[in-house]
Amino acid sequence: MARAGIFKLAASAIGLPGLHSASPRLLSSSAASSGSKFLVISLSGPDKLGIVHRMTRTVADHGGNVEQSRMAILGGEFAIISMVMVQALQASEMIQALESSFPNYHIHFRETTQSQTVVGNMLYKLALEGPDSVGIMAMLTEEMAKAGVNIHDLETELTTAAFAGFPLFKVKGTLHMKPDGLPVVLDSISKVEKKFGMTGSVIQSER
């Protein structure tokens, strides 16, 4: 069965649970220039009041700014992925402060760059729902990869469908693809629908 609750997957596909804390030394001196750098920070652990405030306050106290974030609660666990911009000279201090602030959480840091949009590519919104079954996400992501689609973000939810008498699995996401790639994607979604008895749609998005 697909996992119950809500799961959000960022485009960077960084795993949240089970990651070990990164050492500040991962940010090499060769990268420590006078400019800014972008870090993707993933943090997960027990869901408690004030986690986001504590994280963003620590970032701000070291001159950093949260550019983008994704958050989710699974069971009693909270997870967040954020892209932070910080001055290179303050990055190591910020990392150490975050590790000190969350000693009982899994936290990971990775240097990245700003997202680069491929000129001419388009965004589409995906919606898919049907009976919960083993293998839905495996087949969906496999078909998207075959179609040359970049999954920008993806959210799944398992709910109780009283009218149907079975658990209802829902998928929502944003797909990034070439303008002429839609027919292939629609064919791929159709395969998933037929195999798992689902219904779906793909419509162009403004953003």
N, C-alpha and C. Protein backbone atom coordinates (compact mmCIF):
# COMPACT_ATOMS: atom_id res chain seq x y z
N MET A 1 0.84 -1.20 0.00
CA MET A 1 0.00 0.00 0.00
C MET A 1 0.88 1.25 0.00
N ALA A 2 0.36 2.31 -0.57
CA ALA A 2 1.10 3.56 -0.52
C ALA A 2 1.08 4.09 0.90
N ARG A 3 2.09 4.86 1.25
CA ARG A 3 2.20 5.36 2.62
C ARG A 3 1.05 6.29 2.96
N ALA A 4 0.50 6.10 4.13
CA ALA A 4 -0.60 6.94 4.58
C ALA A 4 -0.09 8.33 4.94
N GLY A 5 -1.01 9.27 4.92
CA GLY A 5 -0.67 10.64 5.29
C GLY A 5 -0.30 11.45 4.08
N ILE A 6 0.52 12.47 4.29
CA ILE A 6 0.92 13.35 3.20
C ILE A 6 2.42 13.30 3.03
N PHE A 7 2.85 13.21 1.79
CA PHE A 7 4.28 13.20 1.50
C PHE A 7 4.54 14.18 0.38
N LYS A 8 5.50 15.08 0.58
CA LYS A 8 5.86 16.04 -0.45
C LYS A 8 7.28 15.78 -0.89
N LEU A 9 7.47 15.74 -2.19
CA LEU A 9 8.79 15.51 -2.74
C LEU A 9 9.26 16.74 -3.48
N ALA A 10 10.39 17.28 -3.06
CA ALA A 10 10.94 18.43 -3.76
C ALA A 10 11.62 17.97 -5.03
N ALA A 11 11.80 18.92 -5.95
CA ALA A 11 12.38 18.57 -7.23
C ALA A 11 13.78 18.03 -7.08
N SER A 12 14.50 18.47 -6.07
CA SER A 12 15.87 18.02 -5.88
C SER A 12 15.95 16.57 -5.40
N ALA A 13 14.79 16.01 -4.98
CA ALA A 13 14.69 14.62 -4.55
C ALA A 13 15.68 14.28 -3.45
N ILE A 14 15.85 15.17 -2.51
CA ILE A 14 16.74 14.93 -1.39
C ILE A 14 16.00 14.11 -0.35
N GLY A 15 16.59 12.98 0.10
CA GLY A 15 15.94 12.16 1.11
C GLY A 15 16.01 12.85 2.46
N LEU A 16 14.90 12.88 3.16
CA LEU A 16 14.89 13.55 4.45
C LEU A 16 15.31 12.65 5.60
N PRO A 17 14.63 11.49 5.82
CA PRO A 17 14.99 10.69 6.98
C PRO A 17 16.33 9.98 6.77
N GLY A 18 17.01 9.72 7.85
CA GLY A 18 18.19 8.87 7.82
C GLY A 18 19.45 9.54 7.33
N LEU A 19 19.43 10.83 7.07
CA LEU A 19 20.63 11.50 6.60
C LEU A 19 21.46 11.92 7.80
N HIS A 20 22.76 11.80 7.65
CA HIS A 20 23.64 12.17 8.74
C HIS A 20 24.00 13.64 8.65
N SER A 21 24.26 14.23 9.80
CA SER A 21 24.62 15.64 9.85
C SER A 21 25.90 15.87 9.08
N ALA A 22 25.90 16.93 8.27
CA ALA A 22 27.07 17.24 7.45
C ALA A 22 28.03 18.11 8.23
N SER A 23 29.30 17.87 8.02
CA SER A 23 30.31 18.69 8.67
C SER A 23 30.47 20.00 7.93
N PRO A 24 30.73 21.10 8.64
CA PRO A 24 30.98 22.37 7.99
C PRO A 24 32.14 22.30 7.01
N ARG A 25 33.02 21.31 7.18
CA ARG A 25 34.16 21.21 6.29
C ARG A 25 33.76 20.82 4.88
N LEU A 26 32.52 20.34 4.70
CA LEU A 26 32.05 20.02 3.36
C LEU A 26 32.02 21.26 2.49
N LEU A 27 31.91 22.43 3.10
CA LEU A 27 31.93 23.68 2.37
C LEU A 27 33.39 24.10 2.25
N SER A 28 34.03 23.72 1.16
CA SER A 28 35.46 23.91 1.02
C SER A 28 35.84 25.37 0.91
N SER A 29 37.11 25.64 1.22
CA SER A 29 37.59 27.02 1.18
C SER A 29 37.59 27.56 -0.24
N SER A 30 37.67 26.66 -1.23
CA SER A 30 37.65 27.12 -2.61
C SER A 30 36.33 27.75 -2.98
N ALA A 31 35.27 27.33 -2.26
CA ALA A 31 33.94 27.89 -2.53
C ALA A 31 33.65 29.11 -1.67
N ALA A 32 34.48 29.29 -0.63
CA ALA A 32 34.23 30.38 0.32
C ALA A 32 34.74 31.70 -0.24
N SER A 33 34.07 32.23 -1.20
CA SER A 33 34.45 33.50 -1.79
C SER A 33 33.70 34.61 -1.05
N SER A 34 33.85 35.82 -1.56
CA SER A 34 33.22 36.95 -0.90
C SER A 34 31.73 37.07 -1.22
N GLY A 35 31.24 36.26 -2.18
CA GLY A 35 29.84 36.35 -2.58
C GLY A 35 28.93 35.47 -1.74
N SER A 36 27.72 35.31 -2.23
CA SER A 36 26.73 34.49 -1.55
C SER A 36 26.79 33.06 -2.08
N LYS A 37 26.27 32.14 -1.28
CA LYS A 37 26.13 30.77 -1.73
C LYS A 37 24.74 30.27 -1.35
N PHE A 38 24.31 29.26 -2.05
CA PHE A 38 23.00 28.67 -1.80
C PHE A 38 23.19 27.28 -1.20
N LEU A 39 22.48 27.02 -0.12
CA LEU A 39 22.53 25.72 0.55
C LEU A 39 21.14 25.12 0.60
N VAL A 40 21.04 23.85 0.29
CA VAL A 40 19.79 23.11 0.53
C VAL A 40 19.94 22.43 1.88
N ILE A 41 19.01 22.74 2.78
CA ILE A 41 19.04 22.21 4.14
C ILE A 41 17.84 21.29 4.32
N SER A 42 18.08 20.05 4.67
CA SER A 42 16.96 19.14 4.97
C SER A 42 17.04 18.75 6.44
N LEU A 43 15.89 18.81 7.09
CA LEU A 43 15.82 18.54 8.54
C LEU A 43 14.58 17.72 8.82
N SER A 44 14.72 16.69 9.64
CA SER A 44 13.55 15.88 10.01
C SER A 44 13.70 15.37 11.42
N GLY A 45 12.56 15.18 12.08
CA GLY A 45 12.55 14.69 13.45
C GLY A 45 11.17 14.82 14.05
N PRO A 46 11.05 14.65 15.36
CA PRO A 46 9.74 14.71 16.02
C PRO A 46 9.03 16.03 15.75
N ASP A 47 7.73 15.95 15.49
CA ASP A 47 6.94 17.15 15.23
C ASP A 47 6.68 17.89 16.54
N LYS A 48 7.25 19.07 16.65
CA LYS A 48 7.08 19.88 17.85
C LYS A 48 6.79 21.33 17.47
N LEU A 49 6.11 22.03 18.36
CA LEU A 49 5.79 23.43 18.12
C LEU A 49 7.08 24.26 18.04
N GLY A 50 7.16 25.13 17.03
CA GLY A 50 8.26 26.08 16.95
C GLY A 50 9.47 25.65 16.15
N ILE A 51 9.42 24.48 15.50
CA ILE A 51 10.59 24.01 14.74
C ILE A 51 10.94 24.98 13.62
N VAL A 52 9.94 25.37 12.83
CA VAL A 52 10.21 26.24 11.68
C VAL A 52 10.73 27.59 12.15
N HIS A 53 10.12 28.11 13.23
CA HIS A 53 10.57 29.40 13.76
C HIS A 53 12.03 29.31 14.21
N ARG A 54 12.37 28.25 14.92
CA ARG A 54 13.74 28.10 15.42
C ARG A 54 14.74 28.00 14.28
N MET A 55 14.36 27.26 13.23
CA MET A 55 15.25 27.09 12.09
C MET A 55 15.45 28.42 11.34
N THR A 56 14.34 29.08 11.02
CA THR A 56 14.44 30.32 10.23
C THR A 56 15.09 31.44 11.05
N ARG A 57 14.87 31.44 12.38
CA ARG A 57 15.50 32.45 13.24
C ARG A 57 17.02 32.26 13.26
N THR A 58 17.44 31.00 13.33
CA THR A 58 18.88 30.72 13.33
C THR A 58 19.52 31.13 12.01
N VAL A 59 18.82 30.85 10.92
CA VAL A 59 19.32 31.25 9.60
C VAL A 59 19.45 32.77 9.52
N ALA A 60 18.41 33.47 9.95
CA ALA A 60 18.40 34.94 9.89
C ALA A 60 19.49 35.54 10.78
N ASP A 61 19.71 34.94 11.95
CA ASP A 61 20.72 35.45 12.87
C ASP A 61 22.13 35.40 12.30
N HIS A 62 22.31 34.58 11.26
CA HIS A 62 23.61 34.46 10.62
C HIS A 62 23.61 35.05 9.21
N GLY A 63 22.67 35.98 9.00
CA GLY A 63 22.64 36.69 7.73
C GLY A 63 22.07 35.92 6.56
N GLY A 64 21.42 34.80 6.84
CA GLY A 64 20.87 33.98 5.77
C GLY A 64 19.42 34.33 5.48
N ASN A 65 18.96 33.91 4.33
CA ASN A 65 17.58 34.16 3.93
C ASN A 65 17.00 32.88 3.31
N VAL A 66 15.82 32.46 3.79
CA VAL A 66 15.17 31.27 3.25
C VAL A 66 14.50 31.65 1.93
N GLU A 67 14.96 31.04 0.84
CA GLU A 67 14.45 31.35 -0.49
C GLU A 67 13.24 30.48 -0.86
N GLN A 68 13.32 29.19 -0.58
CA GLN A 68 12.23 28.26 -0.90
C GLN A 68 12.16 27.20 0.20
N SER A 69 10.97 26.65 0.42
CA SER A 69 10.82 25.59 1.43
C SER A 69 9.72 24.62 1.04
N ARG A 70 9.86 23.40 1.48
CA ARG A 70 8.83 22.38 1.40
C ARG A 70 8.75 21.74 2.78
N MET A 71 7.55 21.54 3.28
CA MET A 71 7.37 20.94 4.61
C MET A 71 6.30 19.86 4.56
N ALA A 72 6.43 18.88 5.46
CA ALA A 72 5.43 17.81 5.54
C ALA A 72 5.45 17.19 6.92
N ILE A 73 4.32 16.62 7.32
CA ILE A 73 4.21 15.85 8.55
C ILE A 73 3.78 14.44 8.17
N LEU A 74 4.56 13.45 8.60
CA LEU A 74 4.25 12.05 8.35
C LEU A 74 4.19 11.36 9.71
N GLY A 75 2.99 10.91 10.10
CA GLY A 75 2.85 10.34 11.42
C GLY A 75 3.19 11.41 12.45
N GLY A 76 4.12 11.10 13.34
CA GLY A 76 4.55 12.07 14.33
C GLY A 76 5.85 12.76 13.96
N GLU A 77 6.27 12.60 12.71
CA GLU A 77 7.53 13.17 12.26
C GLU A 77 7.30 14.40 11.37
N PHE A 78 8.15 15.40 11.54
CA PHE A 78 8.10 16.61 10.73
C PHE A 78 9.35 16.66 9.85
N ALA A 79 9.20 17.12 8.62
CA ALA A 79 10.34 17.24 7.71
C ALA A 79 10.24 18.54 6.93
N ILE A 80 11.39 19.14 6.69
CA ILE A 80 11.44 20.38 5.92
C ILE A 80 12.68 20.37 5.04
N ILE A 81 12.53 20.85 3.82
CA ILE A 81 13.65 21.10 2.93
C ILE A 81 13.60 22.58 2.58
N SER A 82 14.70 23.27 2.77
CA SER A 82 14.75 24.70 2.47
C SER A 82 16.00 25.02 1.66
N MET A 83 15.85 25.97 0.74
CA MET A 83 17.03 26.52 0.07
C MET A 83 17.32 27.86 0.70
N VAL A 84 18.53 28.00 1.21
CA VAL A 84 18.93 29.20 1.95
C VAL A 84 20.06 29.91 1.23
N MET A 85 19.97 31.22 1.14
CA MET A 85 21.06 32.03 0.62
C MET A 85 21.79 32.66 1.80
N VAL A 86 23.10 32.54 1.82
CA VAL A 86 23.89 33.07 2.92
C VAL A 86 25.23 33.54 2.39
N GLN A 87 25.82 34.54 3.04
CA GLN A 87 27.14 34.98 2.67
C GLN A 87 28.14 33.85 2.92
N ALA A 88 29.06 33.65 1.99
CA ALA A 88 29.99 32.53 2.07
C ALA A 88 30.75 32.51 3.39
N LEU A 89 31.15 33.67 3.87
CA LEU A 89 31.95 33.74 5.10
C LEU A 89 31.15 33.39 6.34
N GLN A 90 29.81 33.40 6.25
CA GLN A 90 28.97 33.09 7.40
C GLN A 90 28.35 31.71 7.33
N ALA A 91 28.58 30.99 6.23
CA ALA A 91 27.92 29.71 6.02
C ALA A 91 28.30 28.66 7.08
N SER A 92 29.59 28.54 7.37
CA SER A 92 30.01 27.52 8.34
C SER A 92 29.45 27.79 9.73
N GLU A 93 29.43 29.05 10.14
CA GLU A 93 28.88 29.40 11.45
C GLU A 93 27.38 29.09 11.50
N MET A 94 26.68 29.36 10.41
CA MET A 94 25.25 29.07 10.37
C MET A 94 25.00 27.57 10.47
N ILE A 95 25.80 26.78 9.77
CA ILE A 95 25.67 25.33 9.82
C ILE A 95 25.88 24.81 11.24
N GLN A 96 26.93 25.30 11.89
CA GLN A 96 27.22 24.87 13.26
C GLN A 96 26.08 25.26 14.21
N ALA A 97 25.53 26.45 14.01
CA ALA A 97 24.43 26.90 14.87
C ALA A 97 23.19 26.04 14.68
N LEU A 98 22.90 25.66 13.45
CA LEU A 98 21.73 24.82 13.18
C LEU A 98 21.92 23.43 13.78
N GLU A 99 23.12 22.88 13.65
CA GLU A 99 23.38 21.56 14.24
C GLU A 99 23.24 21.61 15.76
N SER A 100 23.67 22.70 16.37
CA SER A 100 23.54 22.84 17.83
C SER A 100 22.09 23.01 18.26
N SER A 101 21.30 23.68 17.39
CA SER A 101 19.90 23.94 17.73
C SER A 101 19.02 22.71 17.58
N PHE A 102 19.45 21.73 16.79
CA PHE A 102 18.64 20.54 16.53
C PHE A 102 19.46 19.27 16.76
N PRO A 103 19.90 19.03 18.01
CA PRO A 103 20.77 17.88 18.28
C PRO A 103 20.10 16.53 18.09
N ASN A 104 18.79 16.47 18.19
CA ASN A 104 18.07 15.19 18.08
C ASN A 104 17.34 15.03 16.75
N TYR A 105 17.76 15.81 15.77
CA TYR A 105 17.13 15.76 14.44
C TYR A 105 18.16 15.35 13.40
N HIS A 106 17.66 14.75 12.32
CA HIS A 106 18.51 14.46 11.17
C HIS A 106 18.61 15.75 10.36
N ILE A 107 19.82 16.22 10.13
CA ILE A 107 19.98 17.47 9.38
C ILE A 107 21.13 17.31 8.40
N HIS A 108 20.91 17.81 7.20
CA HIS A 108 21.89 17.63 6.12
C HIS A 108 22.00 18.92 5.33
N PHE A 109 23.20 19.23 4.90
CA PHE A 109 23.45 20.45 4.13
C PHE A 109 24.12 20.09 2.81
N ARG A 110 23.70 20.78 1.77
CA ARG A 110 24.32 20.56 0.46
C ARG A 110 24.34 21.87 -0.31
N GLU A 111 25.50 22.22 -0.83
CA GLU A 111 25.60 23.44 -1.61
C GLU A 111 24.96 23.23 -2.97
N THR A 112 24.28 24.26 -3.46
CA THR A 112 23.58 24.15 -4.74
C THR A 112 23.67 25.48 -5.48
N THR A 113 22.93 25.61 -6.54
CA THR A 113 22.85 26.85 -7.30
C THR A 113 21.39 27.24 -7.43
N GLN A 114 21.13 28.44 -7.88
CA GLN A 114 19.75 28.84 -8.14
C GLN A 114 19.19 28.00 -9.27
N SER A 115 17.87 27.75 -9.20
CA SER A 115 17.23 26.95 -10.25
C SER A 115 17.37 27.64 -11.60
N GLN A 116 17.68 26.83 -12.59
CA GLN A 116 17.79 27.34 -13.94
C GLN A 116 16.65 26.78 -14.78
N THR A 117 15.78 27.64 -15.26
CA THR A 117 14.65 27.20 -16.08
C THR A 117 15.10 27.03 -17.52
N VAL A 118 14.80 25.87 -18.10
CA VAL A 118 15.15 25.62 -19.50
C VAL A 118 14.21 26.44 -20.38
N VAL A 119 14.80 27.29 -21.22
CA VAL A 119 14.00 28.15 -22.09
C VAL A 119 13.15 27.30 -23.02
N GLY A 120 11.87 27.60 -23.10
CA GLY A 120 10.97 26.88 -23.99
C GLY A 120 10.19 25.77 -23.30
N ASN A 121 10.69 25.29 -22.16
CA ASN A 121 9.96 24.26 -21.43
C ASN A 121 8.74 24.85 -20.74
N MET A 122 7.76 23.99 -20.45
CA MET A 122 6.50 24.46 -19.88
C MET A 122 6.15 23.66 -18.63
N LEU A 123 5.37 24.27 -17.76
CA LEU A 123 4.91 23.61 -16.54
C LEU A 123 3.48 23.12 -16.71
N TYR A 124 3.22 21.92 -16.20
CA TYR A 124 1.88 21.34 -16.24
C TYR A 124 1.52 20.82 -14.86
N LYS A 125 0.26 20.93 -14.48
CA LYS A 125 -0.23 20.41 -13.21
C LYS A 125 -0.81 19.01 -13.43
N LEU A 126 -0.36 18.09 -12.60
CA LEU A 126 -0.84 16.71 -12.66
C LEU A 126 -1.77 16.44 -11.48
N ALA A 127 -2.88 15.77 -11.76
CA ALA A 127 -3.80 15.31 -10.70
C ALA A 127 -4.19 13.88 -11.04
N LEU A 128 -4.10 13.01 -10.04
CA LEU A 128 -4.38 11.60 -10.26
C LEU A 128 -4.96 11.03 -8.97
N GLU A 129 -6.01 10.23 -9.08
CA GLU A 129 -6.58 9.61 -7.88
C GLU A 129 -7.26 8.30 -8.22
N GLY A 130 -7.33 7.42 -7.21
CA GLY A 130 -7.96 6.13 -7.39
C GLY A 130 -7.68 5.24 -6.20
N PRO A 131 -8.06 3.96 -6.27
CA PRO A 131 -7.85 3.03 -5.15
C PRO A 131 -6.37 2.92 -4.82
N ASP A 132 -6.06 2.85 -3.54
CA ASP A 132 -4.67 2.70 -3.11
C ASP A 132 -4.17 1.31 -3.49
N SER A 133 -3.03 1.27 -4.16
CA SER A 133 -2.46 -0.01 -4.60
C SER A 133 -0.93 0.05 -4.51
N VAL A 134 -0.33 -1.11 -4.38
CA VAL A 134 1.12 -1.20 -4.39
C VAL A 134 1.64 -0.89 -5.79
N GLY A 135 2.64 -0.02 -5.88
CA GLY A 135 3.31 0.22 -7.15
C GLY A 135 2.87 1.44 -7.93
N ILE A 136 1.90 2.20 -7.42
CA ILE A 136 1.43 3.37 -8.16
C ILE A 136 2.56 4.37 -8.41
N MET A 137 3.23 4.77 -7.34
CA MET A 137 4.28 5.78 -7.48
C MET A 137 5.47 5.26 -8.28
N ALA A 138 5.78 3.98 -8.12
CA ALA A 138 6.90 3.39 -8.87
C ALA A 138 6.63 3.47 -10.37
N MET A 139 5.41 3.10 -10.78
CA MET A 139 5.08 3.13 -12.20
C MET A 139 4.97 4.56 -12.72
N LEU A 140 4.35 5.43 -11.93
CA LEU A 140 4.17 6.82 -12.36
C LEU A 140 5.51 7.50 -12.60
N THR A 141 6.42 7.39 -11.65
CA THR A 141 7.71 8.05 -11.80
C THR A 141 8.55 7.41 -12.91
N GLU A 142 8.39 6.10 -13.09
CA GLU A 142 9.10 5.43 -14.18
C GLU A 142 8.60 5.95 -15.53
N GLU A 143 7.28 6.07 -15.66
CA GLU A 143 6.71 6.56 -16.92
C GLU A 143 7.13 8.01 -17.20
N MET A 144 7.18 8.82 -16.15
CA MET A 144 7.59 10.22 -16.33
C MET A 144 9.06 10.31 -16.77
N ALA A 145 9.89 9.43 -16.21
CA ALA A 145 11.30 9.42 -16.60
C ALA A 145 11.45 9.00 -18.06
N LYS A 146 10.69 7.99 -18.46
CA LYS A 146 10.73 7.53 -19.85
C LYS A 146 10.29 8.64 -20.82
N ALA A 147 9.33 9.46 -20.36
CA ALA A 147 8.80 10.53 -21.21
C ALA A 147 9.70 11.77 -21.21
N GLY A 148 10.79 11.73 -20.44
CA GLY A 148 11.70 12.87 -20.41
C GLY A 148 11.17 14.04 -19.60
N VAL A 149 10.32 13.75 -18.63
CA VAL A 149 9.70 14.79 -17.82
C VAL A 149 10.48 15.01 -16.52
N ASN A 150 10.65 16.26 -16.16
CA ASN A 150 11.24 16.59 -14.87
C ASN A 150 10.11 16.85 -13.88
N ILE A 151 10.08 16.08 -12.79
CA ILE A 151 9.05 16.27 -11.77
C ILE A 151 9.49 17.42 -10.88
N HIS A 152 8.79 18.54 -11.00
CA HIS A 152 9.15 19.75 -10.26
C HIS A 152 8.79 19.61 -8.79
N ASP A 153 7.60 19.12 -8.51
CA ASP A 153 7.19 18.77 -7.14
C ASP A 153 6.08 17.75 -7.21
N LEU A 154 5.93 17.02 -6.13
CA LEU A 154 4.95 15.92 -6.11
C LEU A 154 4.42 15.75 -4.70
N GLU A 155 3.11 15.60 -4.58
CA GLU A 155 2.47 15.44 -3.27
C GLU A 155 1.47 14.30 -3.35
N THR A 156 1.53 13.40 -2.37
CA THR A 156 0.58 12.29 -2.33
C THR A 156 -0.19 12.32 -1.02
N GLU A 157 -1.40 11.79 -1.06
CA GLU A 157 -2.24 11.75 0.14
C GLU A 157 -3.14 10.53 0.10
N LEU A 158 -3.26 9.86 1.22
CA LEU A 158 -4.15 8.72 1.34
C LEU A 158 -5.32 9.11 2.23
N THR A 159 -6.52 9.06 1.69
CA THR A 159 -7.70 9.48 2.43
C THR A 159 -8.74 8.36 2.45
N THR A 160 -9.73 8.51 3.30
CA THR A 160 -10.83 7.55 3.38
C THR A 160 -11.97 8.03 2.48
N ALA A 161 -12.30 7.22 1.51
CA ALA A 161 -13.38 7.56 0.59
C ALA A 161 -14.62 6.79 1.01
N ALA A 162 -15.44 7.40 1.84
CA ALA A 162 -16.63 6.72 2.38
C ALA A 162 -17.57 6.27 1.28
N PHE A 163 -17.69 7.09 0.25
CA PHE A 163 -18.62 6.76 -0.84
C PHE A 163 -18.13 5.58 -1.67
N ALA A 164 -16.81 5.33 -1.66
CA ALA A 164 -16.26 4.29 -2.50
C ALA A 164 -16.02 2.99 -1.73
N GLY A 165 -15.82 3.08 -0.41
CA GLY A 165 -15.61 1.89 0.37
C GLY A 165 -14.17 1.38 0.35
N PHE A 166 -13.23 2.23 -0.09
CA PHE A 166 -11.82 1.83 -0.10
C PHE A 166 -10.96 3.07 0.09
N PRO A 167 -9.71 2.90 0.55
CA PRO A 167 -8.81 4.05 0.69
C PRO A 167 -8.54 4.69 -0.66
N LEU A 168 -8.58 6.00 -0.70
CA LEU A 168 -8.39 6.75 -1.95
C LEU A 168 -7.00 7.37 -1.95
N PHE A 169 -6.21 7.05 -2.96
CA PHE A 169 -4.86 7.57 -3.08
C PHE A 169 -4.85 8.72 -4.09
N LYS A 170 -4.34 9.89 -3.65
CA LYS A 170 -4.33 11.07 -4.51
C LYS A 170 -2.91 11.53 -4.77
N VAL A 171 -2.68 11.96 -6.00
CA VAL A 171 -1.37 12.48 -6.39
C VAL A 171 -1.57 13.85 -7.03
N LYS A 172 -0.80 14.83 -6.58
CA LYS A 172 -0.79 16.15 -7.20
C LYS A 172 0.65 16.56 -7.43
N GLY A 173 0.92 17.16 -8.57
CA GLY A 173 2.30 17.55 -8.82
C GLY A 173 2.43 18.54 -9.96
N THR A 174 3.65 19.00 -10.14
CA THR A 174 3.97 19.91 -11.23
C THR A 174 5.03 19.27 -12.09
N LEU A 175 4.78 19.22 -13.38
CA LEU A 175 5.69 18.59 -14.33
C LEU A 175 6.32 19.64 -15.24
N HIS A 176 7.59 19.48 -15.51
CA HIS A 176 8.33 20.41 -16.36
C HIS A 176 8.74 19.65 -17.61
N MET A 177 8.26 20.10 -18.77
CA MET A 177 8.51 19.34 -19.99
C MET A 177 8.59 20.23 -21.23
N LYS A 178 9.05 19.65 -22.31
CA LYS A 178 9.10 20.36 -23.58
C LYS A 178 7.67 20.57 -24.09
N PRO A 179 7.44 21.64 -24.86
CA PRO A 179 6.09 21.94 -25.36
C PRO A 179 5.47 20.79 -26.15
N ASP A 180 6.31 20.03 -26.85
CA ASP A 180 5.77 18.94 -27.68
C ASP A 180 5.72 17.61 -26.92
N GLY A 181 5.97 17.66 -25.61
CA GLY A 181 6.01 16.42 -24.84
C GLY A 181 4.69 15.98 -24.25
N LEU A 182 3.66 16.83 -24.37
CA LEU A 182 2.38 16.52 -23.74
C LEU A 182 1.73 15.23 -24.23
N PRO A 183 1.68 14.96 -25.53
CA PRO A 183 1.04 13.71 -25.98
C PRO A 183 1.68 12.46 -25.36
N VAL A 184 3.00 12.47 -25.23
CA VAL A 184 3.68 11.31 -24.64
C VAL A 184 3.33 11.18 -23.17
N VAL A 185 3.25 12.32 -22.48
CA VAL A 185 2.91 12.31 -21.05
C VAL A 185 1.48 11.81 -20.84
N LEU A 186 0.57 12.28 -21.65
CA LEU A 186 -0.83 11.84 -21.54
C LEU A 186 -0.94 10.34 -21.76
N ASP A 187 -0.17 9.82 -22.71
CA ASP A 187 -0.17 8.38 -22.96
C ASP A 187 0.38 7.62 -21.76
N SER A 188 1.42 8.20 -21.12
CA SER A 188 2.02 7.57 -19.95
C SER A 188 1.04 7.56 -18.77
N ILE A 189 0.35 8.67 -18.56
CA ILE A 189 -0.64 8.75 -17.49
C ILE A 189 -1.77 7.77 -17.73
N SER A 190 -2.15 7.61 -18.98
CA SER A 190 -3.22 6.68 -19.34
C SER A 190 -2.85 5.24 -18.95
N LYS A 191 -1.58 4.89 -19.10
CA LYS A 191 -1.13 3.54 -18.72
C LYS A 191 -1.31 3.32 -17.22
N VAL A 192 -0.98 4.35 -16.43
CA VAL A 192 -1.13 4.26 -14.98
C VAL A 192 -2.61 4.14 -14.61
N GLU A 193 -3.43 4.94 -15.27
CA GLU A 193 -4.88 4.92 -15.00
C GLU A 193 -5.46 3.53 -15.26
N LYS A 194 -5.10 2.95 -16.39
CA LYS A 194 -5.66 1.65 -16.76
C LYS A 194 -5.20 0.54 -15.83
N LYS A 195 -3.93 0.57 -15.43
CA LYS A 195 -3.41 -0.50 -14.58
C LYS A 195 -3.99 -0.45 -13.18
N PHE A 196 -4.18 0.77 -12.64
CA PHE A 196 -4.60 0.90 -11.24
C PHE A 196 -6.04 1.39 -11.06
N GLY A 197 -6.78 1.56 -12.15
CA GLY A 197 -8.17 2.00 -12.04
C GLY A 197 -8.30 3.42 -11.53
N MET A 198 -7.40 4.30 -11.99
CA MET A 198 -7.38 5.67 -11.52
C MET A 198 -7.90 6.63 -12.59
N THR A 199 -8.15 7.85 -12.19
CA THR A 199 -8.51 8.91 -13.14
C THR A 199 -7.55 10.07 -12.91
N GLY A 200 -7.19 10.75 -14.00
CA GLY A 200 -6.22 11.83 -13.85
C GLY A 200 -6.36 12.90 -14.90
N SER A 201 -5.59 13.95 -14.73
CA SER A 201 -5.60 15.06 -15.69
C SER A 201 -4.23 15.74 -15.67
N VAL A 202 -3.89 16.35 -16.80
CA VAL A 202 -2.67 17.15 -16.92
C VAL A 202 -3.04 18.43 -17.63
N ILE A 203 -2.90 19.57 -16.95
CA ILE A 203 -3.27 20.85 -17.55
C ILE A 203 -2.10 21.82 -17.43
N GLN A 204 -2.01 22.72 -18.38
CA GLN A 204 -0.91 23.68 -18.38
C GLN A 204 -1.03 24.64 -17.19
N SER A 205 0.10 24.97 -16.61
CA SER A 205 0.15 25.84 -15.45
C SER A 205 0.84 27.15 -15.81
N GLU A 206 0.42 28.22 -15.15
CA GLU A 206 1.04 29.52 -15.38
C GLU A 206 2.36 29.63 -14.64
N ARG A 207 2.50 28.86 -13.54
CA ARG A 207 3.72 28.94 -12.74
C ARG A 207 3.97 27.64 -11.98
